[in-house]
Amino acid sequence: MKQRSFSEWRFVGFVAVAMCLAAGLLVTYAAMAQAEEQTWRPVRFLDSSGVHRTPETGEGRRYMTYMAQRRVLEPVRQEPEARRVVASDWEVLDPIRYENLSVFPVVARQEYDTAGFLTLDEGLASGEVLVSERGSESIRRSRGDEAMPRHRQGGATVNTLVLVNRSKRPLLLLAGEVVTGGKQDRIIGKDRIVAPGAEPLPLDVFCVERGRWSAGNDFKAANLMAHPSVREKAAVAKDQSQVWGAVRSGSTSEQTREYAAEARAGRAAPATAPQMSADAVGRVMAEEARSESYAKVYKSRTVVASVDSFAAEVERRFRGATRGQRVIGVVVAYGGEVAWSDLFASQPLFQRYWGKLLRSYVVEALARPQLQERATVGDAARFLAPLDGHEQIETEPGVYRWRETSQGRLSQIEIESLLGKVFTLHRVKVQRTS
């Protein structure tokens, strides 16, 4: 066997060292690429309104393709995550029951300081917040300023308004809040936080006054929250025609549909008829709310007396049952179906919304049939269990993170504050009706 010379062994050693160096470079490059993927797009993209969106929709995918073709990489600020909740974070108390409505108070193990946040009703009433139609001529950025020309983006449109927060506090918006005026009444389409002194921003809304499109630009607070059937179609379905349908039908629940089918078939109904059926709502629209305004329908003489007396009795029982408790939200059931929950970061913030939330739950109760079944505390506690499903996330860096999680027929929407300490400001959970 031929012996290798020294020069041949030296060549073999050089090749081995070169291969080791190449392998090391490949490993380093792969690690750098993975880190870059976590720091740069395509995790989220920045839309024209300044919001980072996940590329789940067709629009998002088209945008990502366009950006990839241009080979443009834009850094996305990595925001800290709020602590993810577990079932032990809450205690569900015994329900307050009245007719077909069960309200389960929820007590939190931990609360956060929310005193610095402004609500929409408070801001509109004080003049610190302005909401107007797109295309209005001018707007004041702060209360002492002269009117300044607003950036025009065309004329008024049904599903977009313009909002300015002139206060020195961040503004919390909740999907389903009603604003009246303008060319037609609207409801807020999505939970959001608006930073103080922010530029005029486009506001996603849905129309709840189908029969009017008249002169008018500015909006005022209605101190009204759309009831769950309408709120779901805005916040979860995000569909204008479904919002209009829910306004006219009263309730879109399966309970209501089954009762209506039984009644049409002439069979014995399994429950007492809803007080506010679709026919009843139609009569109110014909007689007292020809423009089909949500606010006019549900504040009409025909409806308001029933809502007021029902809400007053639930409030009386709720106040007595929760005296001394730090209640931060509620789980709501109709008959045996747990349908909804609203949870806040603190007891004071919950109290600021409780009045109009309660009326919205009562409207839904009056629009559903009266059933004998009753949900239990265990049912309500299980309803609050964390979801493990598909997530969509939108972020305005340094201001808020919006997260929607869907699993089966359940949807949960969380709005997290990124202003200083990161925490979940509001959490809504829905048993979808479709």
Protein backbone atom coordinates (compact mmCIF):
# COMPACT_ATOMS: atom_id res chain seq x y z
CA MET A 1 0.00 0.00 0.00
CA LYS A 2 1.41 3.38 -1.07
CA GLN A 3 2.34 5.72 1.79
CA ARG A 4 0.90 9.29 1.58
CA SER A 5 3.43 12.08 1.47
CA PHE A 6 3.48 14.98 3.92
CA SER A 7 2.09 17.36 1.30
CA GLU A 8 -0.85 15.02 0.64
CA TRP A 9 -1.70 14.82 4.37
CA ARG A 10 -1.49 18.59 4.60
CA PHE A 11 -3.97 18.93 1.72
CA VAL A 12 -6.42 16.48 3.40
CA GLY A 13 -6.18 18.47 6.65
CA PHE A 14 -6.87 21.73 4.82
CA VAL A 15 -9.99 20.29 3.18
CA ALA A 16 -11.29 19.02 6.55
CA VAL A 17 -10.79 22.42 8.19
CA ALA A 18 -12.52 24.17 5.26
CA MET A 19 -15.53 21.86 5.54
CA CYS A 20 -15.81 22.52 9.30
CA LEU A 21 -15.69 26.27 8.71
CA ALA A 22 -18.36 26.05 6.01
CA ALA A 23 -20.64 24.01 8.29
CA GLY A 24 -20.18 26.58 11.05
CA LEU A 25 -21.06 29.43 8.70
CA LEU A 26 -24.22 27.63 7.57
CA VAL A 27 -25.38 27.11 11.19
CA THR A 28 -24.66 30.77 12.02
CA TYR A 29 -26.53 31.99 8.92
CA ALA A 30 -29.58 29.83 9.76
CA ALA A 31 -29.69 31.21 13.32
CA MET A 32 -29.42 34.78 12.04
CA ALA A 33 -32.20 34.19 9.49
CA GLN A 34 -34.49 32.79 12.19
CA ALA A 35 -33.82 35.79 14.45
CA GLU A 36 -34.42 38.18 11.54
CA GLU A 37 -37.72 36.46 10.73
CA GLN A 38 -38.86 37.04 14.32
CA THR A 39 -37.81 40.70 14.25
CA TRP A 40 -38.85 41.72 10.73
CA ARG A 41 -41.90 41.18 8.61
CA PRO A 42 -43.83 39.11 7.51
CA VAL A 43 -45.20 38.62 11.05
CA ARG A 44 -47.35 41.76 10.70
CA PHE A 45 -47.79 44.58 8.20
CA LEU A 46 -48.49 48.25 8.75
CA ASP A 47 -51.68 49.48 7.08
CA SER A 48 -52.56 53.04 6.06
CA SER A 49 -54.16 53.79 9.43
CA GLY A 50 -50.98 52.96 11.35
CA VAL A 51 -52.08 49.55 12.61
CA HIS A 52 -49.99 46.37 12.32
CA ARG A 53 -52.12 43.51 11.03
CA THR A 54 -51.50 39.80 10.69
CA PRO A 55 -51.58 38.59 7.07
CA GLU A 56 -54.59 36.30 7.62
CA THR A 57 -56.87 37.96 5.09
CA GLY A 58 -56.55 38.11 1.33
CA GLU A 59 -55.57 41.76 1.66
CA GLY A 60 -52.77 40.82 4.04
CA ARG A 61 -51.46 38.07 1.79
CA ARG A 62 -51.50 40.36 -1.27
CA TYR A 63 -49.60 43.01 0.67
CA MET A 64 -47.01 40.47 1.82
CA THR A 65 -46.51 39.26 -1.78
CA TYR A 66 -46.03 42.85 -2.93
CA MET A 67 -43.50 43.55 -0.15
CA ALA A 68 -41.60 40.33 -0.90
CA GLN A 69 -41.33 41.26 -4.59
CA ARG A 70 -39.89 44.66 -3.66
CA ARG A 71 -37.64 43.00 -1.04
CA VAL A 72 -38.55 45.66 1.47
CA LEU A 73 -38.06 44.78 5.12
CA GLU A 74 -39.58 47.07 7.74
CA PRO A 75 -38.84 46.52 11.44
CA VAL A 76 -41.80 45.82 13.71
CA ARG A 77 -41.42 46.87 17.33
CA GLN A 78 -41.66 43.83 19.57
CA GLU A 79 -44.21 44.71 22.24
CA PRO A 80 -44.23 42.87 25.59
CA GLU A 81 -47.05 40.40 26.08
CA ALA A 82 -49.71 40.73 28.75
CA ARG A 83 -49.79 37.79 31.13
CA ARG A 84 -52.07 35.14 29.64
CA VAL A 85 -55.05 34.41 31.86
CA VAL A 86 -56.01 31.10 33.41
CA ALA A 87 -59.29 29.99 34.94
CA SER A 88 -58.00 30.57 38.47
CA ASP A 89 -57.68 34.32 37.77
CA TRP A 90 -61.42 34.75 38.41
CA GLU A 91 -64.11 33.67 40.81
CA VAL A 92 -67.65 33.39 39.49
CA LEU A 93 -70.30 34.26 42.08
CA ASP A 94 -73.88 32.98 42.38
CA PRO A 95 -76.14 34.39 39.69
CA ILE A 96 -78.69 37.17 39.88
CA ARG A 97 -81.74 35.75 38.13
CA TYR A 98 -84.79 37.51 36.76
CA GLU A 99 -87.17 35.95 34.25
CA ASN A 100 -84.99 34.37 31.52
CA LEU A 101 -81.83 36.34 32.38
CA SER A 102 -79.01 35.11 34.66
CA VAL A 103 -76.14 37.48 35.46
CA PHE A 104 -73.07 35.93 37.11
CA PRO A 105 -70.79 38.50 38.81
CA VAL A 106 -67.06 37.87 38.33
CA VAL A 107 -64.43 38.80 40.91
CA ALA A 108 -60.77 39.05 39.83
CA ARG A 109 -57.73 37.94 41.80
CA GLN A 110 -55.83 40.98 40.50
CA GLU A 111 -56.87 44.47 39.33
CA TYR A 112 -55.01 47.23 37.48
CA ASP A 113 -55.06 51.02 37.68
CA THR A 114 -57.48 52.22 34.98
CA ALA A 115 -58.25 55.70 36.35
CA GLY A 116 -56.29 57.36 33.56
CA PHE A 117 -58.52 56.06 30.76
CA LEU A 118 -61.33 58.06 29.17
CA THR A 119 -64.56 56.45 27.90
CA LEU A 120 -66.29 57.45 24.67
CA ASP A 121 -69.41 58.78 26.40
CA GLU A 122 -67.29 60.86 28.79
CA GLY A 123 -65.15 62.27 25.98
CA LEU A 124 -68.05 63.19 23.71
CA ALA A 125 -69.99 64.78 26.56
CA SER A 126 -67.02 66.93 27.65
CA GLY A 127 -65.92 67.89 24.13
CA GLU A 128 -62.55 66.20 24.61
CA VAL A 129 -63.39 63.70 21.88
CA LEU A 130 -64.76 64.57 18.44
CA VAL A 131 -66.41 62.11 16.07
CA SER A 132 -67.52 63.27 12.64
CA GLU A 133 -68.22 62.11 9.10
CA ARG A 134 -65.32 61.77 6.69
CA GLY A 135 -64.81 64.81 4.50
CA SER A 136 -65.86 67.41 7.09
CA GLU A 137 -64.18 70.74 6.51
CA SER A 138 -62.25 71.29 9.73
CA ILE A 139 -61.41 70.00 13.16
CA ARG A 140 -59.69 71.32 16.30
CA ARG A 141 -56.75 69.22 17.47
CA SER A 142 -56.98 70.69 20.98
CA ARG A 143 -59.70 72.65 22.71
CA GLY A 144 -57.81 75.96 22.50
CA ASP A 145 -56.79 75.65 18.87
CA GLU A 146 -58.41 77.34 15.92
CA ALA A 147 -60.12 75.12 13.41
CA MET A 148 -57.55 73.51 11.13
CA PRO A 149 -58.23 71.93 7.73
CA ARG A 150 -58.59 68.18 8.00
CA HIS A 151 -56.88 65.87 5.57
CA ARG A 152 -59.66 65.06 3.14
CA GLN A 153 -60.12 61.45 2.01
CA GLY A 154 -63.23 61.85 -0.07
CA GLY A 155 -66.83 62.15 1.06
CA ALA A 156 -68.72 60.50 3.90
CA THR A 157 -68.93 56.71 3.88
CA VAL A 158 -71.15 54.31 5.81
CA ASN A 159 -68.46 52.30 7.60
CA THR A 160 -65.82 54.92 8.39
CA LEU A 161 -65.92 58.01 10.60
CA VAL A 162 -63.13 60.31 11.79
CA LEU A 163 -62.21 60.53 15.50
CA VAL A 164 -59.94 62.94 17.35
CA ASN A 165 -58.91 62.51 20.97
CA ARG A 166 -58.17 66.06 22.20
CA SER A 167 -57.85 65.01 25.83
CA LYS A 168 -54.69 64.27 27.77
CA ARG A 169 -55.88 60.73 28.50
CA PRO A 170 -55.99 57.57 26.38
CA LEU A 171 -59.48 56.83 25.05
CA LEU A 172 -61.05 53.37 25.28
CA LEU A 173 -63.53 52.38 22.56
CA LEU A 174 -65.70 49.25 22.81
CA ALA A 175 -67.39 47.56 19.89
CA GLY A 176 -71.15 48.13 20.02
CA GLU A 177 -71.11 51.62 21.57
CA VAL A 178 -73.70 53.82 19.84
CA VAL A 179 -73.04 57.34 18.55
CA THR A 180 -75.94 59.40 17.19
CA GLY A 181 -76.02 62.22 14.66
CA GLY A 182 -74.06 62.70 11.47
CA LYS A 183 -75.76 61.40 8.37
CA GLN A 184 -76.94 58.28 10.20
CA ASP A 185 -76.37 56.68 13.62
CA ARG A 186 -73.46 54.24 13.94
CA ILE A 187 -71.94 51.76 16.38
CA ILE A 188 -68.22 51.32 17.03
CA GLY A 189 -66.95 48.34 15.07
CA LYS A 190 -63.94 47.26 17.12
CA ASP A 191 -62.37 47.64 20.56
CA ARG A 192 -59.51 50.12 20.40
CA ILE A 193 -57.36 52.51 22.46
CA VAL A 194 -56.67 55.98 21.05
CA ALA A 195 -53.59 57.75 22.42
CA PRO A 196 -53.96 61.34 23.67
CA GLY A 197 -53.14 63.96 21.05
CA ALA A 198 -53.17 61.44 18.20
CA GLU A 199 -53.73 62.53 14.62
CA PRO A 200 -57.35 62.37 13.36
CA LEU A 201 -57.87 58.68 12.68
CA PRO A 202 -60.28 56.62 10.59
CA LEU A 203 -62.77 54.84 12.85
CA ASP A 204 -64.37 51.51 11.84
CA VAL A 205 -68.14 51.67 12.41
CA PHE A 206 -71.41 50.04 11.36
CA CYS A 207 -74.65 51.79 10.49
CA VAL A 208 -77.62 51.25 12.83
CA GLU A 209 -80.02 53.64 11.10
CA ARG A 210 -80.69 52.18 7.70
CA GLY A 211 -83.43 54.59 6.62
CA ARG A 212 -81.56 57.90 6.91
CA TRP A 213 -78.70 59.57 5.02
CA SER A 214 -79.17 63.26 5.62
CA ALA A 215 -77.18 66.44 6.19
CA GLY A 216 -75.05 66.40 9.30
CA ASN A 217 -71.43 65.82 10.27
CA ASP A 218 -70.94 65.59 14.03
CA PHE A 219 -71.89 62.90 16.54
CA LYS A 220 -72.85 62.89 20.20
CA ALA A 221 -72.89 60.26 22.93
CA ALA A 222 -75.99 58.08 23.07
CA ASN A 223 -75.05 56.43 26.41
CA LEU A 224 -76.19 53.23 24.75
CA MET A 225 -74.59 49.86 24.03
CA ALA A 226 -76.03 47.66 21.27
CA HIS A 227 -77.44 44.41 22.65
CA PRO A 228 -75.42 41.19 22.16
CA SER A 229 -77.06 40.02 18.91
CA VAL A 230 -76.18 43.32 17.20
CA ARG A 231 -72.82 43.68 18.92
CA GLU A 232 -71.77 40.19 17.81
CA LYS A 233 -72.52 40.94 14.15
CA ALA A 234 -70.32 44.05 14.34
CA ALA A 235 -67.42 42.81 16.50
CA VAL A 236 -67.20 39.18 15.33
CA ALA A 237 -69.02 38.79 11.98
CA LYS A 238 -67.95 42.29 10.85
CA ASP A 239 -70.82 42.35 8.37
CA GLN A 240 -73.05 45.39 7.75
CA SER A 241 -76.01 43.45 6.35
CA GLN A 242 -75.97 41.14 9.40
CA VAL A 243 -75.89 44.18 11.70
CA TRP A 244 -79.01 45.59 10.00
CA GLY A 245 -80.68 42.18 10.22
CA ALA A 246 -79.97 41.94 13.95
CA VAL A 247 -81.37 45.44 14.56
CA ARG A 248 -84.65 44.45 12.88
CA SER A 249 -84.96 40.92 14.30
CA GLY A 250 -84.30 41.71 17.96
CA SER A 251 -82.33 38.52 18.61
CA THR A 252 -80.39 36.25 16.25
CA SER A 253 -80.06 33.43 18.81
CA GLU A 254 -80.81 29.80 18.05
CA GLN A 255 -83.40 29.86 20.84
CA THR A 256 -85.29 32.62 19.01
CA ARG A 257 -85.05 30.92 15.62
CA GLU A 258 -86.32 27.60 17.01
CA TYR A 259 -89.25 29.30 18.73
CA ALA A 260 -90.18 31.16 15.52
CA ALA A 261 -90.02 27.91 13.51
CA GLU A 262 -92.30 26.14 16.00
CA ALA A 263 -94.76 29.03 15.94
CA ARG A 264 -94.87 29.11 12.12
CA ALA A 265 -95.48 25.36 12.01
CA GLY A 266 -98.41 25.71 14.42
CA ARG A 267 -96.84 23.35 16.93
CA ALA A 268 -96.94 23.94 20.67
CA ALA A 269 -94.07 26.28 21.45
CA PRO A 270 -91.54 25.06 24.06
CA ALA A 271 -91.40 28.49 25.71
CA THR A 272 -93.23 31.75 26.26
CA ALA A 273 -93.06 34.18 23.34
CA PRO A 274 -90.42 36.94 23.35
CA GLN A 275 -91.73 40.32 24.45
CA MET A 276 -89.72 41.99 21.67
CA SER A 277 -90.14 39.72 18.68
CA ALA A 278 -89.15 40.73 15.15
CA ASP A 279 -92.80 41.63 14.51
CA ALA A 280 -92.86 43.86 17.58
CA VAL A 281 -89.65 45.61 16.50
CA GLY A 282 -91.14 46.08 13.04
CA ARG A 283 -94.21 47.77 14.49
CA VAL A 284 -92.03 50.15 16.53
CA MET A 285 -90.09 51.04 13.40
CA ALA A 286 -93.29 51.70 11.50
CA GLU A 287 -94.83 53.86 14.21
CA GLU A 288 -91.97 55.52 16.13
CA ALA A 289 -88.67 54.98 14.28
CA ARG A 290 -89.22 55.20 10.53
CA SER A 291 -85.50 55.67 9.87
CA GLU A 292 -84.89 52.32 11.63
CA SER A 293 -82.61 54.05 14.14
CA TYR A 294 -81.38 51.64 16.81
CA ALA A 295 -81.44 54.40 19.43
CA LYS A 296 -85.00 55.42 18.55
CA VAL A 297 -86.27 51.84 18.53
CA TYR A 298 -84.80 50.82 21.87
CA LYS A 299 -85.56 54.14 23.56
CA SER A 300 -89.08 54.33 22.14
CA ARG A 301 -92.13 54.60 24.40
CA THR A 302 -93.16 51.08 23.47
CA VAL A 303 -89.84 49.52 24.46
CA VAL A 304 -88.27 51.74 27.09
CA ALA A 305 -90.81 51.03 29.87
CA SER A 306 -90.18 47.27 29.67
CA VAL A 307 -86.39 47.73 29.53
CA ASP A 308 -86.34 50.23 32.41
CA SER A 309 -88.41 48.12 34.80
CA PHE A 310 -86.51 44.92 33.95
CA ALA A 311 -83.09 46.61 34.31
CA ALA A 312 -84.08 48.31 37.58
CA GLU A 313 -85.03 44.99 39.17
CA VAL A 314 -81.83 43.25 38.03
CA GLU A 315 -79.75 46.19 39.28
CA ARG A 316 -81.48 46.11 42.68
CA ARG A 317 -80.73 42.40 43.09
CA PHE A 318 -77.20 42.77 41.71
CA ARG A 319 -76.33 45.59 44.10
CA GLY A 320 -77.55 43.60 47.10
CA ALA A 321 -75.79 40.38 46.07
CA THR A 322 -72.42 42.01 45.33
CA ARG A 323 -72.14 44.46 48.23
CA GLY A 324 -68.51 44.52 49.39
CA GLN A 325 -67.27 42.53 46.35
CA ARG A 326 -64.75 43.84 43.81
CA VAL A 327 -66.73 42.85 40.73
CA ILE A 328 -64.84 43.42 37.46
CA GLY A 329 -67.34 41.93 35.02
CA VAL A 330 -70.19 39.51 34.38
CA VAL A 331 -71.09 36.33 32.55
CA VAL A 332 -74.57 36.44 31.01
CA ALA A 333 -76.92 33.52 30.32
CA TYR A 334 -80.38 33.32 28.75
CA GLY A 335 -82.29 30.28 29.95
CA GLY A 336 -79.74 27.47 29.96
CA GLU A 337 -77.42 29.06 27.38
CA VAL A 338 -74.33 30.95 28.54
CA ALA A 339 -74.06 33.52 25.79
CA TRP A 340 -71.78 36.41 26.70
CA SER A 341 -69.22 37.88 29.08
CA ASP A 342 -67.65 41.32 29.58
CA LEU A 343 -64.60 41.52 31.88
CA PHE A 344 -62.57 44.64 32.70
CA ALA A 345 -59.18 45.31 34.26
CA SER A 346 -60.69 46.91 37.38
CA GLN A 347 -63.89 47.31 39.36
CA PRO A 348 -64.07 51.11 38.76
CA LEU A 349 -63.79 50.68 34.99
CA PHE A 350 -66.52 48.01 35.01
CA GLN A 351 -68.79 50.36 36.96
CA ARG A 352 -68.38 53.09 34.34
CA TYR A 353 -69.83 50.73 31.69
CA TRP A 354 -72.21 48.68 33.82
CA GLY A 355 -75.33 50.79 33.34
CA LYS A 356 -75.44 50.60 29.56
CA LEU A 357 -74.14 47.02 29.49
CA LEU A 358 -76.98 45.91 31.76
CA ARG A 359 -79.58 47.56 29.52
CA SER A 360 -78.07 45.81 26.50
CA TYR A 361 -78.34 42.41 28.23
CA VAL A 362 -81.96 43.20 29.14
CA VAL A 363 -82.86 44.08 25.55
CA GLU A 364 -81.48 40.71 24.44
CA ALA A 365 -83.45 38.95 27.19
CA LEU A 366 -86.69 40.61 26.08
CA ALA A 367 -85.99 39.58 22.47
CA ARG A 368 -85.55 35.89 23.39
CA PRO A 369 -88.22 33.36 24.38
CA GLN A 370 -88.80 32.64 28.06
CA LEU A 371 -87.25 29.24 28.82
CA GLN A 372 -87.37 27.12 31.97
CA GLU A 373 -83.76 25.94 31.86
CA ARG A 374 -81.19 27.74 34.02
CA ALA A 375 -77.41 27.96 33.59
CA THR A 376 -75.30 27.08 36.65
CA VAL A 377 -72.21 28.64 38.22
CA GLY A 378 -70.24 25.73 36.77
CA ASP A 379 -71.53 26.56 33.29
CA ALA A 380 -70.45 30.18 33.70
CA ALA A 381 -67.01 29.23 35.04
CA ARG A 382 -66.42 26.84 32.13
CA PHE A 383 -67.43 29.62 29.71
CA LEU A 384 -64.47 31.69 30.98
CA ALA A 385 -61.93 28.93 30.32
CA PRO A 386 -59.12 30.13 27.99
CA LEU A 387 -59.55 29.33 24.29
CA ASP A 388 -56.95 27.44 22.27
CA GLY A 389 -57.83 28.25 18.70
CA HIS A 390 -57.11 30.45 15.72
CA GLU A 391 -55.74 33.91 16.61
CA GLN A 392 -55.74 37.22 14.77
CA ILE A 393 -53.70 40.09 16.17
CA GLU A 394 -53.53 43.80 15.36
CA THR A 395 -51.15 46.20 17.08
CA GLU A 396 -50.55 49.93 17.24
CA PRO A 397 -47.02 50.00 18.71
CA GLY A 398 -46.84 51.59 22.13
CA VAL A 399 -50.64 52.00 22.35
CA TYR A 400 -52.65 48.77 22.14
CA ARG A 401 -52.80 45.18 20.99
CA TRP A 402 -56.11 43.70 19.75
CA ARG A 403 -56.44 39.92 19.79
CA GLU A 404 -59.31 37.73 18.56
CA THR A 405 -59.31 34.00 19.35
CA SER A 406 -61.87 31.61 17.87
CA GLN A 407 -62.55 28.01 18.86
CA GLY A 408 -65.69 26.19 17.76
CA ARG A 409 -68.66 28.52 18.29
CA LEU A 410 -66.79 30.68 20.80
CA SER A 411 -64.98 33.93 20.03
CA GLN A 412 -62.96 36.01 22.47
CA ILE A 413 -61.69 39.54 21.85
CA GLU A 414 -59.09 41.16 24.11
CA ILE A 415 -57.76 44.71 24.04
CA GLU A 416 -54.40 45.11 25.76
CA SER A 417 -52.95 48.46 26.82
CA LEU A 418 -49.30 48.95 25.83
CA LEU A 419 -49.13 52.38 27.48
CA GLY A 420 -46.57 51.71 30.19
CA LYS A 421 -47.53 48.58 32.11
CA VAL A 422 -48.97 45.96 29.75
CA PHE A 423 -52.32 44.48 30.78
CA THR A 424 -55.66 43.44 29.31
CA LEU A 425 -58.10 46.34 29.63
CA HIS A 426 -61.24 44.60 28.38
CA ARG A 427 -62.13 41.06 27.38
CA VAL A 428 -65.37 39.99 25.72
CA LYS A 429 -66.37 36.40 25.02
CA VAL A 430 -69.24 35.40 22.75
CA GLN A 431 -71.22 32.25 22.02
CA ARG A 432 -71.73 32.99 18.33
CA THR A 433 -75.30 32.75 17.05
CA SER A 434 -74.22 31.84 13.51
